Amino acid sequence: MSKKFHSEPDIGANQPQKDYLDKLEKLIARVRTGDMDATAQFILRYNKKIVSIAFDVLQDEELAKKSAKKTLEGAVEQLRQNIRTGAFEPWLMWLTRSDALQYTQVKRLCNTQVMQQEVLQSMVTKEGDEVPANIHFTQRSPDNAASPDSSDIIHNGIPVPQSAPVLKRPPNASIFQEERDEFIESDTERQGDSIVPPINNEKHKRAGRRFKCKKRMMQRKTIVLSIIISLLCLILLWALFGTLARNFNVFPDLGYSWFDDNFFELF
């Protein structure tokens, strides 16, 4: 006779926090020992809440159930490790949302592939005909080649007008891989002969050293020029101040008399 398990109430539902954590710790301890009854009780305890959170993220009931199953399997596996009871439920909620986001990417990828397939079908379907969803377009082979007088091209036994585009894709090829290859090929054709050659590291290093050497020389020249200009400014200020001092008889001689006698005599 199969046993029926009833999920325990959540935190704060007519029981203290300590009692709730004690029961959760005992349940986790039983799951860690490999007790199947405790594992089933654990799954029933959190299954509904995990499915609800996954559905809020995915907005798809089937994917939400798959995501919840993956989350519960991962949680049971992680319970064999030393996870603190107080931090277990926040970690479980984080794991639920993380798995749901992964399924969101899967859902988006599936929708994109369906849209691509619909576009391909609309491009090669004649009026009133339907193309199977698993069709793959390849180049014509001699076995199924049309006659020279025929106005149709045959792809896998299906006649297609010559005005329709011939799509070349190997069987089981990814749509995204094909688009990537086409982008790389078109980009290579646009570049042509303008492809940049690889950088010569030794030449680059030598150019860098020459630039640094020139930079240091310019800095030295700037420092020397600044010193010369500063000395000339000091001499000019000294001469001007000496002239004013002699005119007002404030300082009879500040050394300017020697400068006046020896320098201005040249003129």
Protein backbone atom coordinates (compact mmCIF):
# COMPACT_ATOMS: atom_id res chain seq x y z
CA MET A 1 0.00 0.00 0.00
CA SER A 2 1.43 3.29 -1.04
CA LYS A 3 1.90 5.93 1.61
CA LYS A 4 0.40 9.40 1.25
CA PHE A 5 2.52 12.36 2.18
CA HIS A 6 1.15 15.73 3.12
CA SER A 7 3.20 18.86 2.67
CA GLU A 8 4.08 20.70 5.83
CA PRO A 9 2.96 24.31 6.33
CA ASP A 10 5.27 27.16 5.36
CA ILE A 11 7.21 29.42 7.69
CA GLY A 12 5.06 31.24 10.20
CA ALA A 13 1.89 29.16 9.62
CA ASN A 14 0.73 28.54 13.21
CA GLN A 15 4.13 27.35 14.44
CA PRO A 16 7.25 29.05 15.74
CA GLN A 17 10.29 29.59 13.57
CA LYS A 18 12.46 27.28 15.67
CA ASP A 19 10.09 24.33 15.38
CA TYR A 20 9.89 24.79 11.63
CA LEU A 21 13.68 24.82 11.24
CA ASP A 22 14.02 21.79 13.53
CA LYS A 23 11.61 19.77 11.38
CA LEU A 24 13.35 20.93 8.21
CA GLU A 25 16.73 19.94 9.63
CA LYS A 26 15.45 16.47 10.54
CA LEU A 27 13.98 16.05 7.05
CA ILE A 28 17.24 17.11 5.41
CA ALA A 29 19.18 14.71 7.63
CA ARG A 30 16.92 11.84 6.52
CA VAL A 31 17.30 12.79 2.87
CA ARG A 32 21.09 12.81 3.24
CA THR A 33 20.98 9.22 4.46
CA GLY A 34 19.18 8.17 1.27
CA ASP A 35 15.75 7.65 2.84
CA MET A 36 13.30 7.40 -0.09
CA ASP A 37 10.27 8.29 2.04
CA ALA A 38 12.02 11.45 3.25
CA THR A 39 12.99 12.29 -0.34
CA ALA A 40 9.38 11.92 -1.50
CA GLN A 41 8.21 14.06 1.42
CA PHE A 42 10.80 16.70 0.54
CA ILE A 43 9.63 16.78 -3.10
CA LEU A 44 5.98 17.13 -2.08
CA ARG A 45 6.96 19.86 0.37
CA TYR A 46 8.48 22.17 -2.25
CA ASN A 47 7.14 20.96 -5.61
CA LYS A 48 4.11 23.25 -5.80
CA LYS A 49 6.02 26.36 -4.79
CA ILE A 50 8.89 25.66 -7.20
CA VAL A 51 6.50 25.04 -10.11
CA SER A 52 4.74 28.33 -9.29
CA ILE A 53 7.99 30.31 -9.30
CA ALA A 54 9.15 28.66 -12.53
CA PHE A 55 5.80 29.42 -14.18
CA ASP A 56 6.09 33.09 -13.20
CA VAL A 57 9.41 33.21 -15.08
CA LEU A 58 8.58 31.01 -18.08
CA GLN A 59 4.83 31.60 -18.53
CA ASP A 60 4.67 28.02 -19.84
CA GLU A 61 3.22 25.20 -17.75
CA GLU A 62 5.09 22.35 -19.47
CA LEU A 63 8.47 24.06 -19.29
CA ALA A 64 7.76 25.09 -15.69
CA LYS A 65 7.24 21.45 -14.71
CA LYS A 66 10.46 20.41 -16.49
CA SER A 67 12.37 23.20 -14.80
CA ALA A 68 10.92 22.26 -11.38
CA LYS A 69 11.92 18.64 -11.91
CA LYS A 70 15.48 19.67 -12.71
CA THR A 71 15.58 21.96 -9.67
CA LEU A 72 14.32 19.27 -7.28
CA GLU A 73 16.77 16.71 -8.64
CA GLY A 74 19.62 19.18 -8.17
CA ALA A 75 18.43 20.08 -4.68
CA VAL A 76 18.26 16.43 -3.58
CA GLU A 77 21.77 15.95 -4.92
CA GLN A 78 23.04 19.03 -3.09
CA LEU A 79 21.44 17.93 0.16
CA ARG A 80 24.15 15.29 0.47
CA GLN A 81 26.56 18.16 1.06
CA ASN A 82 26.84 20.25 4.21
CA ILE A 83 24.35 23.05 3.54
CA ARG A 84 23.23 25.03 6.58
CA THR A 85 19.52 24.64 7.26
CA GLY A 86 18.95 28.35 7.75
CA ALA A 87 20.34 29.13 4.29
CA PHE A 88 18.80 26.19 2.48
CA GLU A 89 15.46 27.67 1.45
CA PRO A 90 16.91 30.94 0.03
CA TRP A 91 19.39 28.84 -1.92
CA LEU A 92 16.55 26.63 -3.21
CA MET A 93 14.58 29.67 -4.41
CA TRP A 94 17.70 30.99 -6.16
CA LEU A 95 18.24 27.59 -7.82
CA THR A 96 14.61 27.57 -8.99
CA ARG A 97 14.90 30.93 -10.73
CA SER A 98 18.29 30.04 -12.21
CA ASP A 99 16.96 26.82 -13.79
CA ALA A 100 13.86 28.65 -15.04
CA LEU A 101 16.02 31.29 -16.74
CA GLN A 102 17.96 28.53 -18.49
CA TYR A 103 14.70 27.09 -19.79
CA THR A 104 13.77 30.61 -20.93
CA GLN A 105 16.81 30.56 -23.23
CA VAL A 106 15.78 27.12 -24.51
CA LYS A 107 12.26 28.39 -25.18
CA ARG A 108 13.57 31.44 -27.04
CA LEU A 109 15.88 29.25 -29.14
CA CYS A 110 13.03 26.89 -30.05
CA ASN A 111 10.79 29.79 -31.04
CA THR A 112 13.54 31.23 -33.23
CA GLN A 113 14.07 27.90 -34.97
CA VAL A 114 10.33 27.57 -35.62
CA MET A 115 10.24 31.07 -37.10
CA GLN A 116 13.23 30.29 -39.34
CA GLN A 117 11.57 27.09 -40.55
CA GLU A 118 8.35 28.97 -41.33
CA VAL A 119 10.29 31.53 -43.37
CA LEU A 120 12.02 28.78 -45.33
CA GLN A 121 8.73 27.06 -46.04
CA SER A 122 7.15 30.28 -47.26
CA MET A 123 10.08 30.89 -49.60
CA VAL A 124 9.87 27.53 -51.39
CA THR A 125 6.17 26.62 -51.13
CA LYS A 126 4.09 26.91 -54.25
CA GLU A 127 0.45 27.90 -54.12
CA GLY A 128 -1.62 25.10 -52.62
CA ASP A 129 1.41 22.93 -51.74
CA GLU A 130 3.03 22.27 -48.38
CA VAL A 131 6.61 21.46 -47.57
CA PRO A 132 7.40 18.99 -44.78
CA ALA A 133 8.86 20.58 -41.66
CA ASN A 134 11.93 18.30 -41.69
CA ILE A 135 12.97 19.16 -45.25
CA HIS A 136 16.65 19.91 -45.93
CA PHE A 137 17.69 21.81 -49.08
CA THR A 138 20.77 20.55 -50.87
CA GLN A 139 22.36 20.99 -54.26
CA ARG A 140 20.98 19.00 -57.15
CA SER A 141 22.47 15.60 -57.76
CA PRO A 142 22.52 13.77 -61.12
CA ASP A 143 19.96 11.30 -59.80
CA ASN A 144 17.19 13.84 -59.26
CA ALA A 145 18.25 16.45 -61.84
CA ALA A 146 15.48 17.92 -63.94
CA SER A 147 15.46 17.78 -67.70
CA PRO A 148 17.06 20.70 -69.60
CA ASP A 149 13.65 21.75 -70.94
CA SER A 150 12.02 21.69 -67.55
CA SER A 151 11.32 25.01 -65.82
CA ASP A 152 11.50 23.46 -62.36
CA ILE A 153 14.38 22.53 -60.07
CA ILE A 154 13.93 19.41 -57.98
CA HIS A 155 15.01 19.38 -54.29
CA ASN A 156 14.66 16.01 -52.59
CA GLY A 157 11.95 15.00 -55.04
CA ILE A 158 9.93 18.24 -54.64
CA PRO A 159 9.62 20.50 -57.71
CA VAL A 160 10.47 24.14 -57.06
CA PRO A 161 10.22 26.98 -59.64
CA GLN A 162 13.49 28.41 -60.91
CA SER A 163 12.45 31.80 -59.58
CA ALA A 164 12.56 30.44 -56.05
CA PRO A 165 15.91 30.76 -54.24
CA VAL A 166 18.05 27.65 -53.95
CA LEU A 167 19.01 27.27 -50.29
CA LYS A 168 22.09 25.22 -49.57
CA ARG A 169 22.32 23.71 -46.12
CA PRO A 170 23.77 20.33 -45.14
CA PRO A 171 21.43 17.99 -43.22
CA ASN A 172 21.20 18.60 -39.47
CA ALA A 173 23.03 21.93 -39.82
CA SER A 174 22.24 24.63 -37.28
CA ILE A 175 20.44 27.74 -38.52
CA PHE A 176 22.63 29.97 -36.36
CA GLN A 177 25.81 28.25 -37.58
CA GLU A 178 24.74 28.85 -41.20
CA GLU A 179 24.04 32.53 -40.55
CA ARG A 180 27.38 32.89 -38.82
CA ASP A 181 29.24 31.26 -41.74
CA GLU A 182 27.44 33.48 -44.26
CA PHE A 183 28.35 36.58 -42.25
CA ILE A 184 32.01 35.55 -42.08
CA GLU A 185 32.13 34.83 -45.82
CA SER A 186 30.46 38.13 -46.77
CA ASP A 187 32.72 40.07 -44.42
CA THR A 188 35.79 38.40 -45.94
CA GLU A 189 34.60 39.29 -49.45
CA ARG A 190 34.10 42.93 -48.45
CA GLN A 191 37.57 43.16 -47.02
CA GLY A 192 39.25 41.76 -50.16
CA ASP A 193 42.90 42.68 -50.22
CA SER A 194 42.52 45.13 -47.35
CA ILE A 195 43.03 42.44 -44.70
CA VAL A 196 45.35 43.82 -42.04
CA PRO A 197 48.52 41.72 -41.70
CA PRO A 198 49.60 40.48 -38.28
CA ILE A 199 51.51 42.92 -36.13
CA ASN A 200 55.29 42.53 -36.02
CA ASN A 201 56.01 42.51 -32.31
CA GLU A 202 59.74 43.28 -32.66
CA LYS A 203 59.12 46.22 -34.96
CA HIS A 204 56.43 47.51 -32.66
CA LYS A 205 58.76 47.30 -29.66
CA ARG A 206 61.54 49.17 -31.48
CA ALA A 207 59.14 51.94 -32.46
CA GLY A 208 57.98 52.17 -28.87
CA ARG A 209 61.54 52.51 -27.60
CA ARG A 210 62.30 55.27 -30.14
CA PHE A 211 59.20 57.16 -29.10
CA LYS A 212 60.14 56.95 -25.42
CA CYS A 213 63.69 58.16 -26.18
CA LYS A 214 62.39 61.15 -28.14
CA LYS A 215 59.97 61.94 -25.36
CA ARG A 216 62.77 61.99 -22.75
CA MET A 217 64.92 64.25 -24.95
CA MET A 218 62.06 66.70 -25.39
CA GLN A 219 61.52 66.78 -21.66
CA ARG A 220 65.21 67.53 -21.04
CA LYS A 221 65.22 70.33 -23.64
CA THR A 222 62.11 71.81 -22.07
CA ILE A 223 63.75 71.81 -18.62
CA VAL A 224 66.95 73.50 -19.90
CA LEU A 225 64.96 76.14 -21.79
CA SER A 226 62.84 76.83 -18.72
CA ILE A 227 65.98 77.38 -16.61
CA ILE A 228 67.48 79.81 -19.15
CA ILE A 229 64.26 81.83 -19.39
CA SER A 230 64.01 81.96 -15.60
CA LEU A 231 67.59 83.30 -15.29
CA LEU A 232 66.95 85.97 -17.91
CA CYS A 233 63.81 87.06 -16.07
CA LEU A 234 65.74 87.30 -12.80
CA ILE A 235 68.45 89.44 -14.43
CA LEU A 236 65.84 91.74 -15.94
CA LEU A 237 64.07 92.15 -12.61
CA TRP A 238 67.39 92.80 -10.86
CA ALA A 239 68.32 95.51 -13.36
CA LEU A 240 64.89 97.16 -13.15
CA PHE A 241 64.86 97.12 -9.35
CA GLY A 242 68.41 98.51 -9.21
CA THR A 243 67.49 101.39 -11.51
CA LEU A 244 64.50 102.34 -9.38
CA ALA A 245 66.59 102.11 -6.20
CA ARG A 246 69.27 104.47 -7.54
CA ASN A 247 66.70 106.98 -8.79
CA PHE A 248 65.00 107.21 -5.41
CA ASN A 249 68.27 106.90 -3.45
CA VAL A 250 66.79 104.10 -1.39
CA PHE A 251 69.65 101.72 -1.82
CA PRO A 252 72.84 103.40 -3.03
CA ASP A 253 74.31 100.24 -4.48
CA LEU A 254 72.84 96.76 -4.95
CA GLY A 255 75.51 95.64 -7.37
CA TYR A 256 73.77 97.42 -10.16
CA SER A 257 76.57 99.97 -10.43
CA TRP A 258 78.92 97.25 -11.68
CA PHE A 259 76.32 96.14 -14.20
CA ASP A 260 75.76 99.76 -15.29
CA ASP A 261 79.46 100.54 -15.64
CA ASN A 262 80.41 97.37 -17.49
CA PHE A 263 77.33 96.54 -19.58
CA PHE A 264 76.00 99.89 -20.77
CA GLU A 265 79.49 101.07 -21.73
CA LEU A 266 79.27 98.62 -24.61
CA PHE A 267 76.59 100.79 -26.17
